[in-house]
Amino acid sequence: MDVLLEIIASLCLFIGSFICISGGVGILRFPDFYTRMHAVGVTDTLGAGMILIGLMFYSPDFLTLSKLLIILLLTLLISPTTSHVLAKAAMQNELKPKLQQKDSDKELNSSNYS
């Protein structure tokens, strides 16, 4: 039974770490504030949750388990809320998302200036 718990805990820790790393890659790769914030908001909540669940399987006593559970619940409540507040503040400060032009729009714009 202990081997099964260690395998589940290790799997949760590995998946959570991978999700957090992919969120970090999203920060570096995405073009504007809104897509970066979305990548980090989603992956941070899920990645931290998986890591905390993995640590719960390793916890030796009830006090540690209860503390990890409280941290998990607070993370699940606070992270989406902060992402929403950041997006709302960016919209109120008129931060525009970076939009890609379609190929047809590029041809129209280039023909108007030629």
N, C-alpha and C. Protein backbone atom coordinates (compact mmCIF):
# COMPACT_ATOMS: atom_id res chain seq x y z
N MET A 1 0.81 -1.20 0.00
CA MET A 1 0.00 0.00 0.00
C MET A 1 0.86 1.26 0.00
N ASP A 2 1.98 1.20 0.72
CA ASP A 2 2.87 2.36 0.75
C ASP A 2 3.48 2.65 -0.61
N VAL A 3 3.75 1.61 -1.36
CA VAL A 3 4.34 1.80 -2.69
C VAL A 3 3.33 2.49 -3.62
N LEU A 4 2.07 2.09 -3.51
CA LEU A 4 1.02 2.70 -4.33
C LEU A 4 0.86 4.19 -4.00
N LEU A 5 0.88 4.53 -2.70
CA LEU A 5 0.77 5.93 -2.30
C LEU A 5 1.97 6.75 -2.80
N GLU A 6 3.15 6.18 -2.75
CA GLU A 6 4.33 6.89 -3.24
C GLU A 6 4.29 7.08 -4.75
N ILE A 7 3.77 6.10 -5.47
CA ILE A 7 3.64 6.25 -6.93
C ILE A 7 2.63 7.33 -7.26
N ILE A 8 1.49 7.35 -6.58
CA ILE A 8 0.47 8.38 -6.82
C ILE A 8 1.01 9.76 -6.47
N ALA A 9 1.70 9.86 -5.33
CA ALA A 9 2.26 11.14 -4.91
C ALA A 9 3.31 11.62 -5.90
N SER A 10 4.17 10.73 -6.35
CA SER A 10 5.20 11.11 -7.31
C SER A 10 4.60 11.54 -8.64
N LEU A 11 3.56 10.85 -9.05
CA LEU A 11 2.89 11.20 -10.30
C LEU A 11 2.24 12.58 -10.20
N CYS A 12 1.57 12.86 -9.07
CA CYS A 12 0.97 14.18 -8.88
C CYS A 12 2.02 15.28 -8.86
N LEU A 13 3.14 15.04 -8.18
CA LEU A 13 4.21 16.03 -8.14
C LEU A 13 4.82 16.26 -9.52
N PHE A 14 4.99 15.19 -10.28
CA PHE A 14 5.56 15.33 -11.62
C PHE A 14 4.61 16.09 -12.54
N ILE A 15 3.34 15.75 -12.51
CA ILE A 15 2.36 16.43 -13.37
C ILE A 15 2.24 17.90 -12.98
N GLY A 16 2.19 18.18 -11.68
CA GLY A 16 2.12 19.56 -11.21
C GLY A 16 3.33 20.38 -11.62
N SER A 17 4.52 19.78 -11.53
CA SER A 17 5.74 20.47 -11.94
C SER A 17 5.74 20.75 -13.43
N PHE A 18 5.30 19.78 -14.21
CA PHE A 18 5.24 19.97 -15.66
C PHE A 18 4.27 21.08 -16.03
N ILE A 19 3.13 21.13 -15.36
CA ILE A 19 2.14 22.17 -15.65
C ILE A 19 2.68 23.54 -15.28
N CYS A 20 3.37 23.65 -14.14
CA CYS A 20 3.96 24.94 -13.75
C CYS A 20 5.03 25.39 -14.72
N ILE A 21 5.83 24.46 -15.21
CA ILE A 21 6.87 24.81 -16.19
C ILE A 21 6.23 25.24 -17.50
N SER A 22 5.14 24.59 -17.91
CA SER A 22 4.48 25.00 -19.15
C SER A 22 3.87 26.39 -19.00
N GLY A 23 3.43 26.75 -17.81
CA GLY A 23 2.96 28.11 -17.57
C GLY A 23 4.08 29.13 -17.69
N GLY A 24 5.27 28.76 -17.23
CA GLY A 24 6.43 29.64 -17.38
C GLY A 24 6.81 29.82 -18.84
N VAL A 25 6.68 28.77 -19.61
CA VAL A 25 6.94 28.88 -21.05
C VAL A 25 5.88 29.78 -21.70
N GLY A 26 4.65 29.70 -21.22
CA GLY A 26 3.58 30.56 -21.73
C GLY A 26 3.87 32.03 -21.49
N ILE A 27 4.46 32.35 -20.35
CA ILE A 27 4.82 33.74 -20.08
C ILE A 27 5.83 34.24 -21.11
N LEU A 28 6.75 33.40 -21.46
CA LEU A 28 7.81 33.81 -22.39
C LEU A 28 7.34 33.84 -23.84
N ARG A 29 6.41 32.98 -24.21
CA ARG A 29 6.06 32.81 -25.62
C ARG A 29 4.87 33.62 -26.10
N PHE A 30 3.90 33.89 -25.23
CA PHE A 30 2.69 34.55 -25.68
C PHE A 30 2.91 36.04 -25.89
N PRO A 31 2.15 36.66 -26.82
CA PRO A 31 2.48 38.01 -27.28
C PRO A 31 2.03 39.16 -26.39
N ASP A 32 0.93 39.02 -25.65
CA ASP A 32 0.44 40.19 -24.92
C ASP A 32 0.04 39.81 -23.49
N PHE A 33 -0.35 40.83 -22.76
CA PHE A 33 -0.66 40.67 -21.34
C PHE A 33 -1.78 39.68 -21.08
N TYR A 34 -2.82 39.74 -21.87
CA TYR A 34 -4.01 38.92 -21.60
C TYR A 34 -3.74 37.43 -21.84
N THR A 35 -3.04 37.10 -22.89
CA THR A 35 -2.75 35.68 -23.13
C THR A 35 -1.74 35.16 -22.12
N ARG A 36 -0.79 36.00 -21.74
CA ARG A 36 0.17 35.58 -20.70
C ARG A 36 -0.54 35.37 -19.37
N MET A 37 -1.44 36.27 -19.05
CA MET A 37 -2.16 36.16 -17.79
C MET A 37 -3.05 34.90 -17.78
N HIS A 38 -3.65 34.59 -18.90
CA HIS A 38 -4.49 33.40 -18.99
C HIS A 38 -3.64 32.14 -18.81
N ALA A 39 -2.50 32.10 -19.48
CA ALA A 39 -1.63 30.93 -19.37
C ALA A 39 -1.16 30.71 -17.94
N VAL A 40 -0.77 31.78 -17.29
CA VAL A 40 -0.28 31.65 -15.92
C VAL A 40 -1.41 31.38 -14.94
N GLY A 41 -2.55 32.03 -15.13
CA GLY A 41 -3.66 31.83 -14.20
C GLY A 41 -4.17 30.40 -14.18
N VAL A 42 -4.30 29.82 -15.34
CA VAL A 42 -4.80 28.45 -15.43
C VAL A 42 -3.76 27.45 -14.94
N THR A 43 -2.54 27.58 -15.45
CA THR A 43 -1.52 26.59 -15.10
C THR A 43 -1.06 26.73 -13.66
N ASP A 44 -1.07 27.93 -13.11
CA ASP A 44 -0.66 28.12 -11.73
C ASP A 44 -1.63 27.44 -10.78
N THR A 45 -2.91 27.60 -11.02
CA THR A 45 -3.91 26.99 -10.16
C THR A 45 -3.85 25.46 -10.24
N LEU A 46 -3.82 24.95 -11.44
CA LEU A 46 -3.80 23.50 -11.61
C LEU A 46 -2.47 22.89 -11.15
N GLY A 47 -1.36 23.53 -11.50
CA GLY A 47 -0.05 23.01 -11.12
C GLY A 47 0.16 23.02 -9.62
N ALA A 48 -0.18 24.13 -8.99
CA ALA A 48 -0.04 24.20 -7.53
C ALA A 48 -0.98 23.21 -6.85
N GLY A 49 -2.17 23.04 -7.39
CA GLY A 49 -3.09 22.07 -6.83
C GLY A 49 -2.56 20.65 -6.90
N MET A 50 -1.99 20.30 -8.04
CA MET A 50 -1.44 18.94 -8.18
C MET A 50 -0.25 18.74 -7.25
N ILE A 51 0.59 19.75 -7.11
CA ILE A 51 1.74 19.63 -6.22
C ILE A 51 1.27 19.48 -4.77
N LEU A 52 0.29 20.27 -4.38
CA LEU A 52 -0.22 20.16 -3.01
C LEU A 52 -0.89 18.81 -2.76
N ILE A 53 -1.60 18.30 -3.74
CA ILE A 53 -2.22 16.97 -3.58
C ILE A 53 -1.13 15.90 -3.47
N GLY A 54 -0.08 16.03 -4.26
CA GLY A 54 1.04 15.09 -4.15
C GLY A 54 1.70 15.15 -2.78
N LEU A 55 1.85 16.36 -2.24
CA LEU A 55 2.42 16.50 -0.90
C LEU A 55 1.50 15.95 0.17
N MET A 56 0.19 15.99 -0.07
CA MET A 56 -0.77 15.43 0.90
C MET A 56 -0.58 13.92 1.03
N PHE A 57 -0.23 13.26 -0.06
CA PHE A 57 0.02 11.82 0.02
C PHE A 57 1.28 11.50 0.82
N TYR A 58 2.22 12.43 0.85
CA TYR A 58 3.45 12.23 1.61
C TYR A 58 3.34 12.69 3.05
N SER A 59 2.27 13.38 3.43
CA SER A 59 2.19 13.98 4.77
C SER A 59 2.12 12.89 5.84
N PRO A 60 2.94 13.05 6.88
CA PRO A 60 3.00 12.01 7.91
C PRO A 60 1.89 12.09 8.97
N ASP A 61 1.33 13.27 9.19
CA ASP A 61 0.33 13.38 10.25
C ASP A 61 -0.84 14.26 9.82
N PHE A 62 -1.85 14.30 10.66
CA PHE A 62 -3.08 15.02 10.32
C PHE A 62 -2.88 16.53 10.29
N LEU A 63 -2.02 17.06 11.15
CA LEU A 63 -1.80 18.51 11.19
C LEU A 63 -1.20 19.00 9.88
N THR A 64 -0.24 18.29 9.37
CA THR A 64 0.37 18.66 8.09
C THR A 64 -0.64 18.54 6.96
N LEU A 65 -1.42 17.48 6.96
CA LEU A 65 -2.45 17.29 5.94
C LEU A 65 -3.48 18.41 5.97
N SER A 66 -3.90 18.82 7.16
CA SER A 66 -4.89 19.89 7.26
C SER A 66 -4.32 21.23 6.79
N LYS A 67 -3.06 21.50 7.09
CA LYS A 67 -2.44 22.74 6.61
C LYS A 67 -2.34 22.75 5.09
N LEU A 68 -1.95 21.63 4.50
CA LEU A 68 -1.88 21.54 3.04
C LEU A 68 -3.26 21.69 2.41
N LEU A 69 -4.27 21.15 3.05
CA LEU A 69 -5.63 21.28 2.55
C LEU A 69 -6.10 22.73 2.59
N ILE A 70 -5.79 23.44 3.65
CA ILE A 70 -6.15 24.86 3.74
C ILE A 70 -5.43 25.67 2.67
N ILE A 71 -4.15 25.38 2.46
CA ILE A 71 -3.40 26.07 1.41
C ILE A 71 -4.00 25.79 0.04
N LEU A 72 -4.40 24.54 -0.20
CA LEU A 72 -5.02 24.18 -1.48
C LEU A 72 -6.33 24.94 -1.68
N LEU A 73 -7.17 24.99 -0.67
CA LEU A 73 -8.45 25.69 -0.79
C LEU A 73 -8.24 27.19 -1.03
N LEU A 74 -7.29 27.78 -0.32
CA LEU A 74 -7.02 29.20 -0.53
C LEU A 74 -6.46 29.46 -1.94
N THR A 75 -5.61 28.57 -2.41
CA THR A 75 -5.07 28.71 -3.76
C THR A 75 -6.17 28.62 -4.80
N LEU A 76 -7.08 27.68 -4.62
CA LEU A 76 -8.18 27.52 -5.58
C LEU A 76 -9.14 28.71 -5.56
N LEU A 77 -9.23 29.42 -4.46
CA LEU A 77 -10.10 30.59 -4.39
C LEU A 77 -9.39 31.88 -4.82
N ILE A 78 -8.14 32.03 -4.43
CA ILE A 78 -7.45 33.30 -4.64
C ILE A 78 -6.89 33.45 -6.06
N SER A 79 -6.35 32.41 -6.62
CA SER A 79 -5.69 32.51 -7.93
C SER A 79 -6.64 32.95 -9.05
N PRO A 80 -7.80 32.34 -9.23
CA PRO A 80 -8.71 32.83 -10.28
C PRO A 80 -9.22 34.24 -10.01
N THR A 81 -9.40 34.57 -8.73
CA THR A 81 -9.87 35.91 -8.38
C THR A 81 -8.83 36.96 -8.75
N THR A 82 -7.57 36.70 -8.46
CA THR A 82 -6.53 37.67 -8.80
C THR A 82 -6.37 37.81 -10.31
N SER A 83 -6.52 36.72 -11.04
CA SER A 83 -6.45 36.81 -12.50
C SER A 83 -7.57 37.68 -13.04
N HIS A 84 -8.76 37.52 -12.49
CA HIS A 84 -9.90 38.34 -12.92
C HIS A 84 -9.67 39.81 -12.59
N VAL A 85 -9.17 40.09 -11.41
CA VAL A 85 -8.92 41.48 -11.00
C VAL A 85 -7.85 42.11 -11.87
N LEU A 86 -6.80 41.36 -12.19
CA LEU A 86 -5.76 41.89 -13.07
C LEU A 86 -6.30 42.21 -14.46
N ALA A 87 -7.12 41.33 -15.00
CA ALA A 87 -7.70 41.57 -16.32
C ALA A 87 -8.63 42.77 -16.30
N LYS A 88 -9.41 42.90 -15.25
CA LYS A 88 -10.32 44.03 -15.15
C LYS A 88 -9.55 45.34 -15.01
N ALA A 89 -8.47 45.34 -14.24
CA ALA A 89 -7.65 46.54 -14.10
C ALA A 89 -6.98 46.91 -15.42
N ALA A 90 -6.55 45.91 -16.17
CA ALA A 90 -5.94 46.19 -17.47
C ALA A 90 -6.96 46.77 -18.44
N MET A 91 -8.19 46.27 -18.41
CA MET A 91 -9.23 46.81 -19.28
C MET A 91 -9.60 48.24 -18.89
N GLN A 92 -9.66 48.51 -17.61
CA GLN A 92 -10.00 49.86 -17.16
C GLN A 92 -8.90 50.86 -17.50
N ASN A 93 -7.66 50.40 -17.56
CA ASN A 93 -6.54 51.27 -17.95
C ASN A 93 -6.31 51.26 -19.45
N GLU A 94 -7.28 50.71 -20.19
CA GLU A 94 -7.30 50.71 -21.65
C GLU A 94 -6.09 50.02 -22.28
N LEU A 95 -5.67 48.92 -21.68
CA LEU A 95 -4.62 48.11 -22.27
C LEU A 95 -5.28 47.23 -23.33
N LYS A 96 -4.91 47.44 -24.58
CA LYS A 96 -5.54 46.71 -25.68
C LYS A 96 -4.79 45.40 -25.94
N PRO A 97 -5.54 44.34 -26.27
CA PRO A 97 -4.86 43.09 -26.64
C PRO A 97 -4.22 43.22 -28.01
N LYS A 98 -3.14 42.48 -28.20
CA LYS A 98 -2.45 42.47 -29.48
C LYS A 98 -3.19 41.50 -30.40
N LEU A 99 -3.75 42.02 -31.48
CA LEU A 99 -4.53 41.21 -32.41
C LEU A 99 -3.74 40.98 -33.69
N GLN A 100 -3.82 39.78 -34.20
CA GLN A 100 -3.16 39.48 -35.46
C GLN A 100 -4.06 39.88 -36.61
N GLN A 101 -3.42 40.39 -37.67
CA GLN A 101 -4.18 40.72 -38.86
C GLN A 101 -4.35 39.47 -39.71
N LYS A 102 -5.50 39.38 -40.33
CA LYS A 102 -5.73 38.28 -41.26
C LYS A 102 -5.00 38.58 -42.56
N ASP A 103 -4.75 37.55 -43.35
CA ASP A 103 -4.07 37.73 -44.63
C ASP A 103 -4.85 38.65 -45.55
N SER A 104 -6.18 38.56 -45.54
CA SER A 104 -6.99 39.41 -46.40
C SER A 104 -6.87 40.87 -45.97
N ASP A 105 -6.77 41.12 -44.65
CA ASP A 105 -6.60 42.49 -44.16
C ASP A 105 -5.24 43.05 -44.55
N LYS A 106 -4.22 42.22 -44.54
CA LYS A 106 -2.88 42.67 -44.93
C LYS A 106 -2.86 43.07 -46.40
N GLU A 107 -3.53 42.28 -47.23
CA GLU A 107 -3.56 42.59 -48.66
C GLU A 107 -4.32 43.88 -48.92
N LEU A 108 -5.42 44.11 -48.21
CA LEU A 108 -6.17 45.34 -48.36
C LEU A 108 -5.36 46.56 -47.92
N ASN A 109 -4.65 46.44 -46.81
CA ASN A 109 -3.85 47.54 -46.31
C ASN A 109 -2.67 47.84 -47.24
N SER A 110 -2.04 46.80 -47.77
CA SER A 110 -0.90 47.03 -48.65
C SER A 110 -1.36 47.61 -50.00
N SER A 111 -2.56 47.24 -50.46
CA SER A 111 -3.02 47.79 -51.73
C SER A 111 -3.46 49.24 -51.60
N ASN A 112 -3.89 49.66 -50.42
CA ASN A 112 -4.29 51.03 -50.21
C ASN A 112 -3.09 51.99 -50.21
N TYR A 113 -1.94 51.51 -49.80
CA TYR A 113 -0.77 52.38 -49.69
C TYR A 113 0.16 52.28 -50.89
N SER A 114 -0.12 51.39 -51.79
CA SER A 114 0.76 51.22 -52.96
C SER A 114 0.43 52.18 -54.05
